[in-house]
Structures are given as structure tokens and as C-alpha cells.
Amino acid sequence: MIEPGRADAAVIDAVNAVLEGAVVSWGLTERGHRLAVPCLRFRGEDARHVGFVTLDVGDLRPGAFAAWESIAAGAPDGGRTAVLHGLFVLPALQGRGVGTKTLKLAEETLGEHGFNRVGLRAWRDSAPFFLGRGYRPTPGGDGAGLAPMRLCKVLT
């Protein structure tokens, strides 16, 4: 795990390469891709608050990653929540369980670092992936699936 404030330029470049590759698989037009990537790309200043869990697959280093951030304490049970800002897998590795492995690695690593919940916002295309891995809707999401669904998982 690369904790917030510890990602150097090489880490940022590596995760951005995965992100850019993953976005290609989204089926966007060339213009949509050109507009989306700069908005999603991580910058040096993001590394102050965002941590990363990366998964190397063969020679692909990394082949996938999850980006996360700790949210302010204050949960009624005194627990700690990490929010996933993205789970990205290179297209050549998609559909081979790499996303599931990366998510599981992120959950295990965050649990080992004292987090007891993981939250995220999932669009309708990605929500089934997370729902199938134990995430449940939380109040404030759009039940119609037009806006991101707020999902949460309690880590055990």
C-alpha cells in the first residue's frame, strides 16, 4: 500500500498509465476519451490525500490499482472509513479476475491499517461488480441508477 503523502512521481505516472489504458475500454468516442482522461488523471497534489494499492500481474507493473482516501472520523461506532476513488485494470487483464483481486487486496490492506469500512460511488455500469462483492447501497444514492450509487462494505 502506498499511503497518502507517500506516492512519488514514478507511482503517479504508473497509476496514470493504467488509468489511461482502462479508460480506453470504456467505449467512449475519441473526443470523450480525450476529455475524460485529464479529469481522471492523478496529479502530484492528489498524492497528499490519496493512497494507492497496486497489483502487479506478470510484467505489467502495475496491471491494476485502487485509489483510496480516508474520510474524517466521526462514525457513530468510532470506526474508520476509506473511500475508493477508483479501481482500474488494464484492458488486457479485464475479465480475468484481476479487478476482484485488486479490490480484495485493497480491502485486506485497508483492514490491516485500521479501516473497518470501504465506501465508494459506482455508476450503473460498475455497480453490479461491487454489489456482487458484498457492497451494499447506502442512503443518498440514486435508486434509478442515473447518478452514482453510494455503496459501502463493512470489513471483517
N, C-alpha and C. Protein backbone atom coordinates (compact mmCIF):
# COMPACT_ATOMS: atom_id res chain seq x y z
N MET A 1 0.85 -1.18 0.00
CA MET A 1 0.00 0.00 0.00
C MET A 1 0.89 1.23 0.00
N ILE A 2 0.50 2.20 -0.77
CA ILE A 2 1.18 3.49 -0.79
C ILE A 2 0.25 4.46 -0.09
N GLU A 3 0.65 4.88 1.09
CA GLU A 3 -0.20 5.73 1.91
C GLU A 3 -0.24 7.15 1.37
N PRO A 4 -1.32 7.88 1.70
CA PRO A 4 -1.39 9.29 1.27
C PRO A 4 -0.14 10.04 1.70
N GLY A 5 0.36 10.86 0.80
CA GLY A 5 1.55 11.65 1.08
C GLY A 5 2.84 10.93 0.73
N ARG A 6 2.75 9.67 0.28
CA ARG A 6 3.98 8.89 0.02
C ARG A 6 4.18 8.51 -1.45
N ALA A 7 3.24 8.83 -2.30
CA ALA A 7 3.38 8.49 -3.72
C ALA A 7 4.30 9.49 -4.39
N ASP A 8 5.34 8.97 -5.04
CA ASP A 8 6.25 9.85 -5.76
C ASP A 8 5.81 9.94 -7.23
N ALA A 9 6.58 10.68 -8.01
CA ALA A 9 6.22 10.89 -9.41
C ALA A 9 6.16 9.58 -10.18
N ALA A 10 7.03 8.63 -9.86
CA ALA A 10 7.02 7.34 -10.56
C ALA A 10 5.73 6.57 -10.30
N VAL A 11 5.24 6.61 -9.07
CA VAL A 11 3.97 5.95 -8.73
C VAL A 11 2.82 6.62 -9.46
N ILE A 12 2.79 7.94 -9.43
CA ILE A 12 1.72 8.68 -10.11
C ILE A 12 1.73 8.36 -11.61
N ASP A 13 2.90 8.33 -12.22
CA ASP A 13 3.00 8.00 -13.64
C ASP A 13 2.50 6.59 -13.92
N ALA A 14 2.85 5.64 -13.04
CA ALA A 14 2.45 4.24 -13.24
C ALA A 14 0.94 4.06 -13.12
N VAL A 15 0.33 4.67 -12.11
CA VAL A 15 -1.12 4.51 -11.97
C VAL A 15 -1.85 5.24 -13.08
N ASN A 16 -1.32 6.37 -13.51
CA ASN A 16 -1.96 7.08 -14.62
C ASN A 16 -1.88 6.29 -15.92
N ALA A 17 -0.81 5.53 -16.13
CA ALA A 17 -0.72 4.69 -17.32
C ALA A 17 -1.81 3.62 -17.30
N VAL A 18 -2.06 3.03 -16.14
CA VAL A 18 -3.13 2.04 -16.02
C VAL A 18 -4.48 2.72 -16.24
N LEU A 19 -4.67 3.86 -15.61
CA LEU A 19 -5.94 4.60 -15.74
C LEU A 19 -6.23 4.91 -17.21
N GLU A 20 -5.24 5.44 -17.91
CA GLU A 20 -5.44 5.80 -19.32
C GLU A 20 -5.76 4.57 -20.15
N GLY A 21 -5.08 3.45 -19.87
CA GLY A 21 -5.38 2.22 -20.59
C GLY A 21 -6.77 1.71 -20.30
N ALA A 22 -7.18 1.79 -19.04
CA ALA A 22 -8.51 1.31 -18.65
C ALA A 22 -9.61 2.14 -19.30
N VAL A 23 -9.42 3.44 -19.38
CA VAL A 23 -10.45 4.32 -19.94
C VAL A 23 -10.69 3.99 -21.41
N VAL A 24 -9.68 3.51 -22.10
CA VAL A 24 -9.85 3.11 -23.50
C VAL A 24 -10.94 2.05 -23.63
N SER A 25 -11.06 1.17 -22.63
CA SER A 25 -12.02 0.08 -22.70
C SER A 25 -13.45 0.52 -22.41
N TRP A 26 -13.66 1.76 -22.09
CA TRP A 26 -14.99 2.24 -21.72
C TRP A 26 -15.90 2.48 -22.92
N GLY A 27 -15.39 2.40 -24.11
CA GLY A 27 -16.23 2.59 -25.29
C GLY A 27 -16.59 4.04 -25.56
N LEU A 28 -15.77 4.95 -25.10
CA LEU A 28 -16.02 6.37 -25.36
C LEU A 28 -15.59 6.71 -26.78
N THR A 29 -16.15 7.78 -27.31
CA THR A 29 -15.65 8.29 -28.58
C THR A 29 -14.24 8.83 -28.34
N GLU A 30 -13.53 9.09 -29.41
CA GLU A 30 -12.18 9.65 -29.26
C GLU A 30 -12.24 10.97 -28.48
N ARG A 31 -13.23 11.78 -28.78
CA ARG A 31 -13.39 13.06 -28.08
C ARG A 31 -13.71 12.82 -26.60
N GLY A 32 -14.59 11.87 -26.33
CA GLY A 32 -14.92 11.55 -24.94
C GLY A 32 -13.71 11.08 -24.16
N HIS A 33 -12.90 10.25 -24.79
CA HIS A 33 -11.67 9.77 -24.16
C HIS A 33 -10.72 10.94 -23.89
N ARG A 34 -10.57 11.80 -24.90
CA ARG A 34 -9.68 12.95 -24.77
C ARG A 34 -10.12 13.89 -23.64
N LEU A 35 -11.43 14.00 -23.44
CA LEU A 35 -11.94 14.87 -22.38
C LEU A 35 -11.92 14.19 -21.01
N ALA A 36 -12.15 12.88 -20.96
CA ALA A 36 -12.25 12.17 -19.68
C ALA A 36 -10.90 11.98 -19.01
N VAL A 37 -9.91 11.60 -19.76
CA VAL A 37 -8.63 11.23 -19.15
C VAL A 37 -8.02 12.35 -18.32
N PRO A 38 -7.94 13.59 -18.81
CA PRO A 38 -7.35 14.64 -17.98
C PRO A 38 -8.12 14.88 -16.68
N CYS A 39 -9.42 14.66 -16.70
CA CYS A 39 -10.22 14.86 -15.49
C CYS A 39 -9.96 13.76 -14.46
N LEU A 40 -9.62 12.58 -14.91
CA LEU A 40 -9.42 11.44 -14.02
C LEU A 40 -7.97 11.27 -13.59
N ARG A 41 -7.05 11.77 -14.37
CA ARG A 41 -5.62 11.58 -14.11
C ARG A 41 -5.24 12.14 -12.74
N PHE A 42 -4.39 11.40 -12.04
CA PHE A 42 -3.89 11.85 -10.74
C PHE A 42 -2.71 12.78 -10.95
N ARG A 43 -2.62 13.78 -10.08
CA ARG A 43 -1.54 14.76 -10.12
C ARG A 43 -0.76 14.69 -8.81
N GLY A 44 0.38 15.29 -8.79
CA GLY A 44 1.22 15.28 -7.59
C GLY A 44 0.49 15.76 -6.35
N GLU A 45 -0.32 16.80 -6.50
CA GLU A 45 -1.02 17.33 -5.32
C GLU A 45 -2.08 16.36 -4.80
N ASP A 46 -2.60 15.48 -5.68
CA ASP A 46 -3.56 14.47 -5.23
C ASP A 46 -2.91 13.49 -4.27
N ALA A 47 -1.63 13.23 -4.46
CA ALA A 47 -0.93 12.23 -3.66
C ALA A 47 -0.85 12.63 -2.18
N ARG A 48 -1.08 13.88 -1.87
CA ARG A 48 -1.08 14.29 -0.45
C ARG A 48 -2.24 13.66 0.30
N HIS A 49 -3.34 13.37 -0.40
CA HIS A 49 -4.56 12.88 0.24
C HIS A 49 -4.98 11.48 -0.21
N VAL A 50 -4.47 11.05 -1.34
CA VAL A 50 -4.91 9.79 -1.93
C VAL A 50 -3.81 8.74 -1.77
N GLY A 51 -4.22 7.54 -1.38
CA GLY A 51 -3.30 6.40 -1.31
C GLY A 51 -3.63 5.44 -2.43
N PHE A 52 -2.72 4.51 -2.67
CA PHE A 52 -2.89 3.56 -3.76
C PHE A 52 -2.56 2.15 -3.29
N VAL A 53 -3.31 1.19 -3.81
CA VAL A 53 -2.99 -0.22 -3.67
C VAL A 53 -2.83 -0.71 -5.10
N THR A 54 -1.64 -1.21 -5.41
CA THR A 54 -1.36 -1.64 -6.78
C THR A 54 -1.20 -3.16 -6.83
N LEU A 55 -1.50 -3.72 -7.99
CA LEU A 55 -1.35 -5.16 -8.21
C LEU A 55 -0.52 -5.37 -9.47
N ASP A 56 0.63 -6.02 -9.31
CA ASP A 56 1.47 -6.36 -10.45
C ASP A 56 0.98 -7.69 -11.01
N VAL A 57 0.90 -7.77 -12.32
CA VAL A 57 0.47 -9.01 -12.99
C VAL A 57 1.50 -9.32 -14.06
N GLY A 58 2.33 -10.33 -13.80
CA GLY A 58 3.40 -10.65 -14.74
C GLY A 58 4.32 -9.46 -14.90
N ASP A 59 4.57 -9.11 -16.15
CA ASP A 59 5.45 -7.97 -16.44
C ASP A 59 4.74 -6.62 -16.34
N LEU A 60 3.45 -6.64 -16.11
CA LEU A 60 2.69 -5.39 -16.02
C LEU A 60 2.77 -4.88 -14.59
N ARG A 61 3.50 -3.81 -14.39
CA ARG A 61 3.76 -3.29 -13.04
C ARG A 61 3.39 -1.83 -12.98
N PRO A 62 2.26 -1.45 -12.49
CA PRO A 62 1.17 -2.33 -12.07
C PRO A 62 0.25 -2.66 -13.25
N GLY A 63 -0.53 -3.70 -13.05
CA GLY A 63 -1.55 -4.06 -14.04
C GLY A 63 -2.90 -3.53 -13.64
N ALA A 64 -3.02 -3.17 -12.35
CA ALA A 64 -4.28 -2.65 -11.82
C ALA A 64 -3.98 -1.88 -10.55
N PHE A 65 -4.91 -1.01 -10.18
CA PHE A 65 -4.75 -0.29 -8.90
C PHE A 65 -6.10 0.17 -8.38
N ALA A 66 -6.12 0.42 -7.09
CA ALA A 66 -7.25 1.06 -6.43
C ALA A 66 -6.71 2.31 -5.76
N ALA A 67 -7.41 3.41 -5.90
CA ALA A 67 -7.05 4.66 -5.23
C ALA A 67 -8.03 4.89 -4.09
N TRP A 68 -7.55 5.33 -2.95
CA TRP A 68 -8.41 5.49 -1.78
C TRP A 68 -8.02 6.73 -0.98
N GLU A 69 -8.95 7.13 -0.14
CA GLU A 69 -8.73 8.27 0.76
C GLU A 69 -9.47 8.00 2.06
N SER A 70 -8.87 8.39 3.16
CA SER A 70 -9.52 8.27 4.46
C SER A 70 -10.48 9.44 4.62
N ILE A 71 -11.69 9.16 5.10
CA ILE A 71 -12.60 10.28 5.37
C ILE A 71 -12.56 10.58 6.86
N ALA A 72 -12.99 11.77 7.20
CA ALA A 72 -12.91 12.23 8.57
C ALA A 72 -13.59 11.27 9.53
N ALA A 73 -12.99 11.16 10.68
CA ALA A 73 -13.57 10.31 11.73
C ALA A 73 -14.92 10.89 12.16
N GLY A 74 -15.62 10.17 12.95
CA GLY A 74 -16.90 10.66 13.44
C GLY A 74 -18.02 9.67 13.25
N ALA A 75 -17.70 8.47 12.79
CA ALA A 75 -18.73 7.45 12.66
C ALA A 75 -19.24 7.10 14.05
N PRO A 76 -20.54 6.85 14.18
CA PRO A 76 -21.12 6.55 15.49
C PRO A 76 -20.43 5.40 16.21
N ASP A 77 -19.92 4.43 15.44
CA ASP A 77 -19.26 3.29 16.08
C ASP A 77 -17.78 3.52 16.30
N GLY A 78 -17.29 4.71 15.97
CA GLY A 78 -15.89 5.03 16.17
C GLY A 78 -14.97 4.43 15.12
N GLY A 79 -15.54 3.81 14.09
CA GLY A 79 -14.74 3.16 13.07
C GLY A 79 -14.13 4.15 12.09
N ARG A 80 -13.30 3.60 11.22
CA ARG A 80 -12.64 4.40 10.19
C ARG A 80 -13.11 3.93 8.82
N THR A 81 -13.38 4.88 7.93
CA THR A 81 -13.85 4.58 6.59
C THR A 81 -12.86 5.07 5.56
N ALA A 82 -12.56 4.22 4.60
CA ALA A 82 -11.78 4.61 3.43
C ALA A 82 -12.75 4.69 2.26
N VAL A 83 -12.55 5.67 1.41
CA VAL A 83 -13.38 5.83 0.22
C VAL A 83 -12.53 5.51 -1.00
N LEU A 84 -13.01 4.58 -1.82
CA LEU A 84 -12.32 4.27 -3.06
C LEU A 84 -12.64 5.34 -4.09
N HIS A 85 -11.60 5.87 -4.71
CA HIS A 85 -11.78 6.86 -5.76
C HIS A 85 -11.67 6.24 -7.14
N GLY A 86 -11.34 4.97 -7.18
CA GLY A 86 -11.26 4.31 -8.46
C GLY A 86 -10.61 2.95 -8.34
N LEU A 87 -11.04 2.07 -9.21
CA LEU A 87 -10.45 0.75 -9.37
C LEU A 87 -10.24 0.58 -10.87
N PHE A 88 -9.00 0.51 -11.30
CA PHE A 88 -8.69 0.50 -12.72
C PHE A 88 -7.85 -0.72 -13.07
N VAL A 89 -8.18 -1.36 -14.19
CA VAL A 89 -7.49 -2.55 -14.66
C VAL A 89 -7.16 -2.35 -16.14
N LEU A 90 -5.92 -2.69 -16.51
CA LEU A 90 -5.56 -2.60 -17.92
C LEU A 90 -6.47 -3.50 -18.76
N PRO A 91 -6.84 -3.06 -19.96
CA PRO A 91 -7.77 -3.84 -20.79
C PRO A 91 -7.33 -5.29 -21.02
N ALA A 92 -6.05 -5.55 -21.20
CA ALA A 92 -5.58 -6.92 -21.47
C ALA A 92 -5.84 -7.85 -20.29
N LEU A 93 -6.09 -7.28 -19.11
CA LEU A 93 -6.30 -8.08 -17.90
C LEU A 93 -7.76 -8.13 -17.47
N GLN A 94 -8.61 -7.37 -18.13
CA GLN A 94 -10.02 -7.33 -17.74
C GLN A 94 -10.70 -8.65 -18.04
N GLY A 95 -11.64 -9.01 -17.18
CA GLY A 95 -12.38 -10.25 -17.36
C GLY A 95 -11.62 -11.49 -16.91
N ARG A 96 -10.51 -11.28 -16.20
CA ARG A 96 -9.67 -12.40 -15.74
C ARG A 96 -9.53 -12.44 -14.22
N GLY A 97 -10.41 -11.71 -13.53
CA GLY A 97 -10.38 -11.73 -12.07
C GLY A 97 -9.41 -10.74 -11.45
N VAL A 98 -8.73 -9.95 -12.26
CA VAL A 98 -7.74 -9.01 -11.74
C VAL A 98 -8.40 -7.88 -10.94
N GLY A 99 -9.56 -7.41 -11.39
CA GLY A 99 -10.28 -6.38 -10.64
C GLY A 99 -10.70 -6.89 -9.28
N THR A 100 -11.20 -8.12 -9.25
CA THR A 100 -11.61 -8.73 -7.98
C THR A 100 -10.41 -8.88 -7.06
N LYS A 101 -9.28 -9.34 -7.60
CA LYS A 101 -8.07 -9.49 -6.78
C LYS A 101 -7.59 -8.15 -6.25
N THR A 102 -7.65 -7.13 -7.09
CA THR A 102 -7.20 -5.81 -6.67
C THR A 102 -8.11 -5.26 -5.57
N LEU A 103 -9.42 -5.42 -5.74
CA LEU A 103 -10.36 -4.96 -4.72
C LEU A 103 -10.14 -5.70 -3.41
N LYS A 104 -9.97 -7.01 -3.49
CA LYS A 104 -9.74 -7.81 -2.28
C LYS A 104 -8.43 -7.38 -1.59
N LEU A 105 -7.39 -7.17 -2.38
CA LEU A 105 -6.11 -6.70 -1.82
C LEU A 105 -6.29 -5.35 -1.14
N ALA A 106 -7.03 -4.44 -1.77
CA ALA A 106 -7.28 -3.13 -1.18
C ALA A 106 -8.04 -3.28 0.14
N GLU A 107 -9.09 -4.11 0.15
CA GLU A 107 -9.87 -4.30 1.38
C GLU A 107 -9.01 -4.90 2.49
N GLU A 108 -8.21 -5.91 2.17
CA GLU A 108 -7.36 -6.55 3.17
C GLU A 108 -6.33 -5.56 3.71
N THR A 109 -5.71 -4.81 2.81
CA THR A 109 -4.69 -3.86 3.21
C THR A 109 -5.28 -2.74 4.06
N LEU A 110 -6.42 -2.23 3.66
CA LEU A 110 -7.06 -1.17 4.44
C LEU A 110 -7.48 -1.70 5.80
N GLY A 111 -8.01 -2.93 5.86
CA GLY A 111 -8.37 -3.55 7.13
C GLY A 111 -7.17 -3.67 8.05
N GLU A 112 -6.02 -4.06 7.51
CA GLU A 112 -4.79 -4.18 8.30
C GLU A 112 -4.32 -2.84 8.82
N HIS A 113 -4.74 -1.76 8.17
CA HIS A 113 -4.35 -0.40 8.59
C HIS A 113 -5.43 0.29 9.41
N GLY A 114 -6.37 -0.48 9.93
CA GLY A 114 -7.34 0.07 10.89
C GLY A 114 -8.65 0.57 10.32
N PHE A 115 -8.87 0.38 9.04
CA PHE A 115 -10.16 0.78 8.46
C PHE A 115 -11.14 -0.37 8.63
N ASN A 116 -12.39 -0.04 8.97
CA ASN A 116 -13.39 -1.11 9.11
C ASN A 116 -14.52 -0.99 8.09
N ARG A 117 -14.46 0.02 7.22
CA ARG A 117 -15.46 0.19 6.17
C ARG A 117 -14.78 0.75 4.93
N VAL A 118 -15.34 0.37 3.77
CA VAL A 118 -14.92 0.95 2.50
C VAL A 118 -16.17 1.46 1.81
N GLY A 119 -16.15 2.71 1.40
CA GLY A 119 -17.26 3.30 0.68
C GLY A 119 -16.81 3.69 -0.72
N LEU A 120 -17.78 3.86 -1.61
CA LEU A 120 -17.47 4.29 -2.97
C LEU A 120 -18.74 4.77 -3.65
N ARG A 121 -18.55 5.40 -4.79
CA ARG A 121 -19.67 5.78 -5.65
C ARG A 121 -19.49 5.03 -6.95
N ALA A 122 -20.51 4.29 -7.34
CA ALA A 122 -20.42 3.46 -8.55
C ALA A 122 -21.50 3.86 -9.53
N TRP A 123 -21.11 4.02 -10.79
CA TRP A 123 -22.06 4.27 -11.86
C TRP A 123 -22.77 2.98 -12.22
N ARG A 124 -23.86 3.08 -12.95
CA ARG A 124 -24.68 1.90 -13.22
C ARG A 124 -23.91 0.78 -13.91
N ASP A 125 -22.91 1.09 -14.72
CA ASP A 125 -22.15 0.04 -15.38
C ASP A 125 -21.23 -0.72 -14.43
N SER A 126 -20.76 -0.07 -13.39
CA SER A 126 -19.84 -0.73 -12.46
C SER A 126 -20.50 -1.19 -11.17
N ALA A 127 -21.69 -0.72 -10.89
CA ALA A 127 -22.36 -1.09 -9.63
C ALA A 127 -22.53 -2.61 -9.48
N PRO A 128 -22.91 -3.37 -10.52
CA PRO A 128 -23.05 -4.82 -10.33
C PRO A 128 -21.76 -5.49 -9.88
N PHE A 129 -20.62 -5.00 -10.35
CA PHE A 129 -19.33 -5.56 -9.92
C PHE A 129 -19.20 -5.45 -8.40
N PHE A 130 -19.46 -4.26 -7.87
CA PHE A 130 -19.29 -4.04 -6.43
C PHE A 130 -20.40 -4.71 -5.62
N LEU A 131 -21.62 -4.68 -6.11
CA LEU A 131 -22.72 -5.35 -5.40
C LEU A 131 -22.45 -6.85 -5.30
N GLY A 132 -21.84 -7.42 -6.31
CA GLY A 132 -21.51 -8.83 -6.30
C GLY A 132 -20.35 -9.20 -5.39
N ARG A 133 -19.71 -8.19 -4.83
CA ARG A 133 -18.58 -8.42 -3.94
C ARG A 133 -18.85 -7.88 -2.54
N GLY A 134 -20.14 -7.82 -2.20
CA GLY A 134 -20.52 -7.53 -0.82
C GLY A 134 -20.81 -6.08 -0.49
N TYR A 135 -20.73 -5.19 -1.45
CA TYR A 135 -21.05 -3.78 -1.18
C TYR A 135 -22.56 -3.62 -1.20
N ARG A 136 -23.05 -2.73 -0.36
CA ARG A 136 -24.49 -2.50 -0.25
C ARG A 136 -24.79 -1.02 -0.39
N PRO A 137 -25.96 -0.68 -0.95
CA PRO A 137 -26.34 0.73 -1.09
C PRO A 137 -26.45 1.41 0.27
N THR A 138 -26.09 2.66 0.29
CA THR A 138 -26.22 3.49 1.48
C THR A 138 -27.14 4.65 1.16
N PRO A 139 -27.70 5.30 2.16
CA PRO A 139 -28.60 6.44 1.90
C PRO A 139 -27.90 7.53 1.08
N GLY A 140 -28.67 8.14 0.20
CA GLY A 140 -28.17 9.27 -0.57
C GLY A 140 -27.82 8.94 -2.01
N GLY A 141 -27.88 7.67 -2.39
CA GLY A 141 -27.62 7.30 -3.78
C GLY A 141 -28.88 7.46 -4.61
N ASP A 142 -28.73 7.34 -5.89
CA ASP A 142 -29.85 7.45 -6.81
C ASP A 142 -30.35 6.05 -7.14
N GLY A 143 -31.48 5.67 -6.62
CA GLY A 143 -32.03 4.35 -6.84
C GLY A 143 -32.30 4.05 -8.30
N ALA A 144 -32.49 5.07 -9.13
CA ALA A 144 -32.75 4.84 -10.55
C ALA A 144 -31.48 4.49 -11.31
N GLY A 145 -30.34 4.66 -10.67
CA GLY A 145 -29.07 4.31 -11.31
C GLY A 145 -28.58 5.35 -12.31
N LEU A 146 -29.18 6.53 -12.31
CA LEU A 146 -28.75 7.55 -13.25
C LEU A 146 -27.52 8.30 -12.76
N ALA A 147 -27.43 8.47 -11.48
CA ALA A 147 -26.27 9.10 -10.86
C ALA A 147 -25.53 8.01 -10.10
N PRO A 148 -24.33 8.30 -9.61
CA PRO A 148 -23.60 7.25 -8.90
C PRO A 148 -24.37 6.72 -7.70
N MET A 149 -24.29 5.41 -7.53
CA MET A 149 -24.84 4.77 -6.33
C MET A 149 -23.79 4.87 -5.24
N ARG A 150 -24.20 5.20 -4.04
CA ARG A 150 -23.30 5.16 -2.90
C ARG A 150 -23.34 3.76 -2.32
N LEU A 151 -22.18 3.14 -2.26
CA LEU A 151 -22.10 1.77 -1.76
C LEU A 151 -21.09 1.72 -0.63
N CYS A 152 -21.29 0.75 0.27
CA CYS A 152 -20.40 0.59 1.41
C CYS A 152 -20.27 -0.88 1.75
N LYS A 153 -19.13 -1.24 2.26
CA LYS A 153 -18.89 -2.60 2.72
C LYS A 153 -18.20 -2.54 4.08
N VAL A 154 -18.72 -3.31 5.02
CA VAL A 154 -18.09 -3.43 6.34
C VAL A 154 -17.04 -4.52 6.20
N LEU A 155 -15.81 -4.18 6.58
CA LEU A 155 -14.72 -5.15 6.51
C LEU A 155 -14.73 -6.02 7.75
N THR A 156 -14.50 -7.31 7.55
CA THR A 156 -14.50 -8.23 8.70
C THR A 156 -13.10 -8.77 8.94
